[in-house]
Amino acid sequence: MVKAGRRHGPVISIGLARGYESVPHARESLDAYFTFYNGERPHQALNNATPWQCHYAGARS
Protein backbone atom coordinates (compact mmCIF):
# COMPACT_ATOMS: atom_id res chain seq x y z
CA MET A 1 0.00 0.00 0.00
CA VAL A 2 1.11 3.54 -0.76
CA LYS A 3 0.63 6.34 1.74
CA ALA A 4 0.79 9.93 0.54
CA GLY A 5 1.10 11.91 3.72
CA ARG A 6 -0.84 12.76 6.80
CA ARG A 7 -3.93 14.38 5.25
CA HIS A 8 -4.81 11.68 2.75
CA GLY A 9 -2.61 8.82 3.89
CA PRO A 10 -5.11 6.23 5.05
CA VAL A 11 -7.74 7.29 2.51
CA ILE A 12 -5.33 6.98 -0.41
CA SER A 13 -4.07 3.64 0.88
CA ILE A 14 -7.64 2.34 0.82
CA GLY A 15 -8.28 3.99 -2.54
CA LEU A 16 -5.29 2.37 -4.21
CA ALA A 17 -6.50 -0.95 -2.95
CA ARG A 18 -9.86 -0.18 -4.59
CA GLY A 19 -8.46 0.52 -8.03
CA TYR A 20 -7.00 4.02 -8.36
CA GLU A 21 -4.21 3.99 -10.90
CA SER A 22 -1.75 6.03 -8.84
CA VAL A 23 -1.42 8.32 -5.85
CA PRO A 24 -1.92 11.45 -8.01
CA HIS A 25 -5.07 9.91 -9.53
CA ALA A 26 -6.41 9.01 -6.09
CA ARG A 27 -5.62 12.49 -4.74
CA GLU A 28 -7.34 14.19 -7.70
CA SER A 29 -10.45 12.02 -7.34
CA LEU A 30 -10.63 12.46 -3.58
CA ASP A 31 -10.09 16.23 -3.77
CA ALA A 32 -12.99 16.46 -6.24
CA TYR A 33 -15.18 14.41 -3.91
CA PHE A 34 -14.26 16.47 -0.84
CA THR A 35 -15.07 19.65 -2.77
CA PHE A 36 -18.47 18.24 -3.70
CA TYR A 37 -19.17 16.87 -0.21
CA ASN A 38 -18.20 20.04 1.66
CA GLY A 39 -19.17 22.69 -0.88
CA GLU A 40 -22.10 21.48 -2.95
CA ARG A 41 -23.93 18.69 -1.12
CA PRO A 42 -26.54 19.90 1.39
CA HIS A 43 -26.40 18.19 4.77
CA GLN A 44 -29.61 17.46 6.64
CA ALA A 45 -27.92 17.98 10.01
CA LEU A 46 -26.96 21.51 8.89
CA ASN A 47 -30.50 22.49 7.86
CA ASN A 48 -29.65 21.62 4.25
CA ALA A 49 -26.66 23.95 4.14
CA THR A 50 -23.21 22.81 3.11
CA PRO A 51 -20.36 22.59 5.62
CA TRP A 52 -18.61 25.44 3.80
CA GLN A 53 -21.71 27.65 4.06
CA CYS A 54 -21.83 27.05 7.81
CA HIS A 55 -18.10 27.55 8.21
CA TYR A 56 -18.00 30.83 6.30
CA ALA A 57 -21.19 32.11 7.93
CA GLY A 58 -19.58 31.55 11.33
CA ALA A 59 -16.40 33.29 10.22
CA ARG A 60 -18.37 36.40 9.19
CA SER A 61 -20.32 36.74 12.44
PDB file of N, CA and C in Angstrom:
ATOM      1  N   MET A   1       0.834  -1.184   0.000  1.00  0.00           N
ATOM      2  CA  MET A   1       0.000   0.000   0.000  1.00  0.00           C
ATOM      3  C   MET A   1       0.877   1.244   0.000  1.00  0.00           C
ATOM      4  N   VAL A   2       0.386   2.270  -0.682  1.00  0.00           N
ATOM      5  CA  VAL A   2       1.108   3.535  -0.761  1.00  0.00           C
ATOM      6  C   VAL A   2       0.414   4.540   0.132  1.00  0.00           C
ATOM      7  N   LYS A   3       1.187   5.272   0.915  1.00  0.00           N
ATOM      8  CA  LYS A   3       0.633   6.336   1.737  1.00  0.00           C
ATOM      9  C   LYS A   3       1.214   7.654   1.256  1.00  0.00           C
ATOM     10  N   ALA A   4       0.368   8.673   1.154  1.00  0.00           N
ATOM     11  CA  ALA A   4       0.792   9.928   0.544  1.00  0.00           C
ATOM     12  C   ALA A   4       0.858  11.076   1.518  1.00  0.00           C
ATOM     13  N   GLY A   5       1.003  10.822   2.767  1.00  0.00           N
ATOM     14  CA  GLY A   5       1.105  11.914   3.720  1.00  0.00           C
ATOM     15  C   GLY A   5      -0.016  11.881   4.724  1.00  0.00           C
ATOM     16  N   ARG A   6       0.069  12.777   5.669  1.00  0.00           N
ATOM     17  CA  ARG A   6      -0.840  12.763   6.801  1.00  0.00           C
ATOM     18  C   ARG A   6      -2.286  13.023   6.406  1.00  0.00           C
ATOM     19  N   ARG A   7      -2.553  14.015   5.558  1.00  0.00           N
ATOM     20  CA  ARG A   7      -3.931  14.384   5.254  1.00  0.00           C
ATOM     21  C   ARG A   7      -4.691  13.264   4.558  1.00  0.00           C
ATOM     22  N   HIS A   8      -4.097  12.682   3.539  1.00  0.00           N
ATOM     23  CA  HIS A   8      -4.806  11.682   2.745  1.00  0.00           C
ATOM     24  C   HIS A   8      -4.249  10.277   2.914  1.00  0.00           C
ATOM     25  N   GLY A   9      -3.289  10.099   3.782  1.00  0.00           N
ATOM     26  CA  GLY A   9      -2.605   8.815   3.895  1.00  0.00           C
ATOM     27  C   GLY A   9      -3.503   7.607   3.935  1.00  0.00           C
ATOM     28  N   PRO A  10      -4.286   7.436   4.970  1.00  0.00           N
ATOM     29  CA  PRO A  10      -5.113   6.225   5.049  1.00  0.00           C
ATOM     30  C   PRO A  10      -6.154   6.154   3.941  1.00  0.00           C
ATOM     31  N   VAL A  11      -6.706   7.285   3.550  1.00  0.00           N
ATOM     32  CA  VAL A  11      -7.735   7.285   2.512  1.00  0.00           C
ATOM     33  C   VAL A  11      -7.133   6.854   1.187  1.00  0.00           C
ATOM     34  N   ILE A  12      -5.968   7.358   0.854  1.00  0.00           N
ATOM     35  CA  ILE A  12      -5.329   6.976  -0.410  1.00  0.00           C
ATOM     36  C   ILE A  12      -4.898   5.518  -0.359  1.00  0.00           C
ATOM     37  N   SER A  13      -4.437   5.047   0.781  1.00  0.00           N
ATOM     38  CA  SER A  13      -4.071   3.637   0.879  1.00  0.00           C
ATOM     39  C   SER A  13      -5.266   2.756   0.567  1.00  0.00           C
ATOM     40  N   ILE A  14      -6.417   3.095   1.102  1.00  0.00           N
ATOM     41  CA  ILE A  14      -7.639   2.339   0.824  1.00  0.00           C
ATOM     42  C   ILE A  14      -8.017   2.497  -0.641  1.00  0.00           C
ATOM     43  N   GLY A  15      -7.917   3.728  -1.156  1.00  0.00           N
ATOM     44  CA  GLY A  15      -8.278   3.989  -2.543  1.00  0.00           C
ATOM     45  C   GLY A  15      -7.436   3.203  -3.522  1.00  0.00           C
ATOM     46  N   LEU A  16      -6.143   3.131  -3.297  1.00  0.00           N
ATOM     47  CA  LEU A  16      -5.291   2.374  -4.207  1.00  0.00           C
ATOM     48  C   LEU A  16      -5.661   0.906  -4.179  1.00  0.00           C
ATOM     49  N   ALA A  17      -6.062   0.430  -3.040  1.00  0.00           N
ATOM     50  CA  ALA A  17      -6.502  -0.955  -2.947  1.00  0.00           C
ATOM     51  C   ALA A  17      -7.805  -1.159  -3.715  1.00  0.00           C
ATOM     52  N   ARG A  18      -8.569  -0.080  -3.901  1.00  0.00           N
ATOM     53  CA  ARG A  18      -9.857  -0.180  -4.594  1.00  0.00           C
ATOM     54  C   ARG A  18      -9.765   0.190  -6.069  1.00  0.00           C
ATOM     55  N   GLY A  19      -8.582   0.391  -6.603  1.00  0.00           N
ATOM     56  CA  GLY A  19      -8.462   0.522  -8.033  1.00  0.00           C
ATOM     57  C   GLY A  19      -8.018   1.853  -8.598  1.00  0.00           C
ATOM     58  N   TYR A  20      -7.579   2.815  -7.777  1.00  0.00           N
ATOM     59  CA  TYR A  20      -6.999   4.019  -8.357  1.00  0.00           C
ATOM     60  C   TYR A  20      -5.705   3.631  -9.041  1.00  0.00           C
ATOM     61  N   GLU A  21      -5.389   4.338 -10.120  1.00  0.00           N
ATOM     62  CA  GLU A  21      -4.212   3.994 -10.904  1.00  0.00           C
ATOM     63  C   GLU A  21      -2.912   4.402 -10.224  1.00  0.00           C
ATOM     64  N   SER A  22      -2.952   5.506  -9.464  1.00  0.00           N
ATOM     65  CA  SER A  22      -1.747   6.031  -8.837  1.00  0.00           C
ATOM     66  C   SER A  22      -2.145   6.951  -7.697  1.00  0.00           C
ATOM     67  N   VAL A  23      -1.161   7.374  -6.926  1.00  0.00           N
ATOM     68  CA  VAL A  23      -1.421   8.316  -5.846  1.00  0.00           C
ATOM     69  C   VAL A  23      -1.952   9.639  -6.410  1.00  0.00           C
ATOM     70  N   PRO A  24      -1.365  10.205  -7.474  1.00  0.00           N
ATOM     71  CA  PRO A  24      -1.924  11.449  -8.010  1.00  0.00           C
ATOM     72  C   PRO A  24      -3.377  11.288  -8.485  1.00  0.00           C
ATOM     73  N   HIS A  25      -3.703  10.161  -9.089  1.00  0.00           N
ATOM     74  CA  HIS A  25      -5.074   9.914  -9.531  1.00  0.00           C
ATOM     75  C   HIS A  25      -6.013   9.820  -8.336  1.00  0.00           C
ATOM     76  N   ALA A  26      -5.596   9.124  -7.302  1.00  0.00           N
ATOM     77  CA  ALA A  26      -6.414   9.015  -6.088  1.00  0.00           C
ATOM     78  C   ALA A  26      -6.602  10.377  -5.455  1.00  0.00           C
ATOM     79  N   ARG A  27      -5.536  11.164  -5.356  1.00  0.00           N
ATOM     80  CA  ARG A  27      -5.617  12.490  -4.742  1.00  0.00           C
ATOM     81  C   ARG A  27      -6.573  13.388  -5.529  1.00  0.00           C
ATOM     82  N   GLU A  28      -6.466  13.373  -6.855  1.00  0.00           N
ATOM     83  CA  GLU A  28      -7.340  14.193  -7.699  1.00  0.00           C
ATOM     84  C   GLU A  28      -8.809  13.793  -7.510  1.00  0.00           C
ATOM     85  N   SER A  29      -9.074  12.508  -7.510  1.00  0.00           N
ATOM     86  CA  SER A  29     -10.448  12.025  -7.341  1.00  0.00           C
ATOM     87  C   SER A  29     -10.999  12.372  -5.958  1.00  0.00           C
ATOM     88  N   LEU A  30     -10.185  12.176  -4.938  1.00  0.00           N
ATOM     89  CA  LEU A  30     -10.632  12.464  -3.578  1.00  0.00           C
ATOM     90  C   LEU A  30     -10.813  13.962  -3.356  1.00  0.00           C
ATOM     91  N   ASP A  31      -9.927  14.776  -3.895  1.00  0.00           N
ATOM     92  CA  ASP A  31     -10.090  16.228  -3.769  1.00  0.00           C
ATOM     93  C   ASP A  31     -11.394  16.682  -4.425  1.00  0.00           C
ATOM     94  N   ALA A  32     -11.726  16.114  -5.574  1.00  0.00           N
ATOM     95  CA  ALA A  32     -12.989  16.459  -6.239  1.00  0.00           C
ATOM     96  C   ALA A  32     -14.175  16.029  -5.376  1.00  0.00           C
ATOM     97  N   TYR A  33     -14.089  14.870  -4.768  1.00  0.00           N
ATOM     98  CA  TYR A  33     -15.182  14.410  -3.913  1.00  0.00           C
ATOM     99  C   TYR A  33     -15.315  15.281  -2.671  1.00  0.00           C
ATOM    100  N   PHE A  34     -14.192  15.614  -2.034  1.00  0.00           N
ATOM    101  CA  PHE A  34     -14.259  16.465  -0.838  1.00  0.00           C
ATOM    102  C   PHE A  34     -14.835  17.835  -1.171  1.00  0.00           C
ATOM    103  N   THR A  35     -14.513  18.373  -2.342  1.00  0.00           N
ATOM    104  CA  THR A  35     -15.072  19.654  -2.772  1.00  0.00           C
ATOM    105  C   THR A  35     -16.582  19.531  -2.925  1.00  0.00           C
ATOM    106  N   PHE A  36     -17.030  18.463  -3.556  1.00  0.00           N
ATOM    107  CA  PHE A  36     -18.466  18.235  -3.700  1.00  0.00           C
ATOM    108  C   PHE A  36     -19.125  18.065  -2.333  1.00  0.00           C
ATOM    109  N   TYR A  37     -18.551  17.213  -1.498  1.00  0.00           N
ATOM    110  CA  TYR A  37     -19.165  16.869  -0.212  1.00  0.00           C
ATOM    111  C   TYR A  37     -19.256  18.085   0.712  1.00  0.00           C
ATOM    112  N   ASN A  38     -18.227  18.900   0.746  1.00  0.00           N
ATOM    113  CA  ASN A  38     -18.203  20.040   1.655  1.00  0.00           C
ATOM    114  C   ASN A  38     -18.768  21.324   1.058  1.00  0.00           C
ATOM    115  N   GLY A  39     -18.772  21.425  -0.268  1.00  0.00           N
ATOM    116  CA  GLY A  39     -19.171  22.688  -0.878  1.00  0.00           C
ATOM    117  C   GLY A  39     -20.460  22.679  -1.661  1.00  0.00           C
ATOM    118  N   GLU A  40     -20.914  21.521  -2.086  1.00  0.00           N
ATOM    119  CA  GLU A  40     -22.095  21.477  -2.953  1.00  0.00           C
ATOM    120  C   GLU A  40     -23.241  20.633  -2.384  1.00  0.00           C
ATOM    121  N   ARG A  41     -22.918  19.633  -1.614  1.00  0.00           N
ATOM    122  CA  ARG A  41     -23.933  18.693  -1.123  1.00  0.00           C
ATOM    123  C   ARG A  41     -24.565  19.228   0.152  1.00  0.00           C
ATOM    124  N   PRO A  42     -25.893  19.460   0.155  1.00  0.00           N
ATOM    125  CA  PRO A  42     -26.541  19.900   1.387  1.00  0.00           C
ATOM    126  C   PRO A  42     -26.572  18.772   2.418  1.00  0.00           C
ATOM    127  N   HIS A  43     -26.411  19.148   3.670  1.00  0.00           N
ATOM    128  CA  HIS A  43     -26.401  18.187   4.766  1.00  0.00           C
ATOM    129  C   HIS A  43     -27.628  18.414   5.636  1.00  0.00           C
ATOM    130  N   GLN A  44     -28.381  17.370   5.852  1.00  0.00           N
ATOM    131  CA  GLN A  44     -29.615  17.460   6.637  1.00  0.00           C
ATOM    132  C   GLN A  44     -29.329  17.982   8.046  1.00  0.00           C
ATOM    133  N   ALA A  45     -28.247  17.559   8.649  1.00  0.00           N
ATOM    134  CA  ALA A  45     -27.918  17.979  10.008  1.00  0.00           C
ATOM    135  C   ALA A  45     -27.566  19.469  10.085  1.00  0.00           C
ATOM    136  N   LEU A  46     -27.304  20.084   8.939  1.00  0.00           N
ATOM    137  CA  LEU A  46     -26.959  21.513   8.894  1.00  0.00           C
ATOM    138  C   LEU A  46     -28.101  22.324   8.289  1.00  0.00           C
ATOM    139  N   ASN A  47     -29.319  21.828   8.437  1.00  0.00           N
ATOM    140  CA  ASN A  47     -30.503  22.489   7.857  1.00  0.00           C
ATOM    141  C   ASN A  47     -30.360  22.683   6.354  1.00  0.00           C
ATOM    142  N   ASN A  48     -29.850  21.649   5.692  1.00  0.00           N
ATOM    143  CA  ASN A  48     -29.650  21.619   4.246  1.00  0.00           C
ATOM    144  C   ASN A  48     -28.676  22.664   3.731  1.00  0.00           C
ATOM    145  N   ALA A  49     -27.780  23.110   4.577  1.00  0.00           N
ATOM    146  CA  ALA A  49     -26.664  23.951   4.144  1.00  0.00           C
ATOM    147  C   ALA A  49     -25.466  23.034   3.902  1.00  0.00           C
ATOM    148  N   THR A  50     -24.445  23.575   3.274  1.00  0.00           N
ATOM    149  CA  THR A  50     -23.209  22.812   3.110  1.00  0.00           C
ATOM    150  C   THR A  50     -22.281  23.138   4.274  1.00  0.00           C
ATOM    151  N   PRO A  51     -21.323  22.268   4.557  1.00  0.00           N
ATOM    152  CA  PRO A  51     -20.361  22.586   5.617  1.00  0.00           C
ATOM    153  C   PRO A  51     -19.638  23.909   5.361  1.00  0.00           C
ATOM    154  N   TRP A  52     -19.305  24.178   4.098  1.00  0.00           N
ATOM    155  CA  TRP A  52     -18.613  25.438   3.804  1.00  0.00           C
ATOM    156  C   TRP A  52     -19.511  26.647   4.083  1.00  0.00           C
ATOM    157  N   GLN A  53     -20.799  26.544   3.760  1.00  0.00           N
ATOM    158  CA  GLN A  53     -21.708  27.653   4.057  1.00  0.00           C
ATOM    159  C   GLN A  53     -21.735  27.928   5.557  1.00  0.00           C
ATOM    160  N   CYS A  54     -21.809  26.889   6.345  1.00  0.00           N
ATOM    161  CA  CYS A  54     -21.830  27.052   7.806  1.00  0.00           C
ATOM    162  C   CYS A  54     -20.505  27.596   8.314  1.00  0.00           C
ATOM    163  N   HIS A  55     -19.424  27.101   7.774  1.00  0.00           N
ATOM    164  CA  HIS A  55     -18.104  27.546   8.212  1.00  0.00           C
ATOM    165  C   HIS A  55     -17.917  29.038   7.913  1.00  0.00           C
ATOM    166  N   TYR A  56     -18.221  29.433   6.682  1.00  0.00           N
ATOM    167  CA  TYR A  56     -17.998  30.826   6.303  1.00  0.00           C
ATOM    168  C   TYR A  56     -19.006  31.764   6.952  1.00  0.00           C
ATOM    169  N   ALA A  57     -20.207  31.290   7.219  1.00  0.00           N
ATOM    170  CA  ALA A  57     -21.192  32.105   7.934  1.00  0.00           C
ATOM    171  C   ALA A  57     -20.709  32.370   9.352  1.00  0.00           C
ATOM    172  N   GLY A  58     -20.118  31.377   9.982  1.00  0.00           N
ATOM    173  CA  GLY A  58     -19.578  31.546  11.329  1.00  0.00           C
ATOM    174  C   GLY A  58     -18.376  32.467  11.346  1.00  0.00           C
ATOM    175  N   ALA A  59     -17.582  32.439  10.290  1.00  0.00           N
ATOM    176  CA  ALA A  59     -16.396  33.289  10.216  1.00  0.00           C
ATOM    177  C   ALA A  59     -16.782  34.759  10.052  1.00  0.00           C
ATOM    178  N   ARG A  60     -17.923  35.014   9.416  1.00  0.00           N
ATOM    179  CA  ARG A  60     -18.366  36.397   9.187  1.00  0.00           C
ATOM    180  C   ARG A  60     -19.047  37.005  10.407  1.00  0.00           C
ATOM    181  N   SER A  61     -19.574  36.175  11.305  1.00  0.00           N
ATOM    182  CA  SER A  61     -20.320  36.741  12.444  1.00  0.00           C
ATOM    183  C   SER A  61     -19.447  37.023  13.641  1.00  0.00           C
TER     184      SER A  61
END
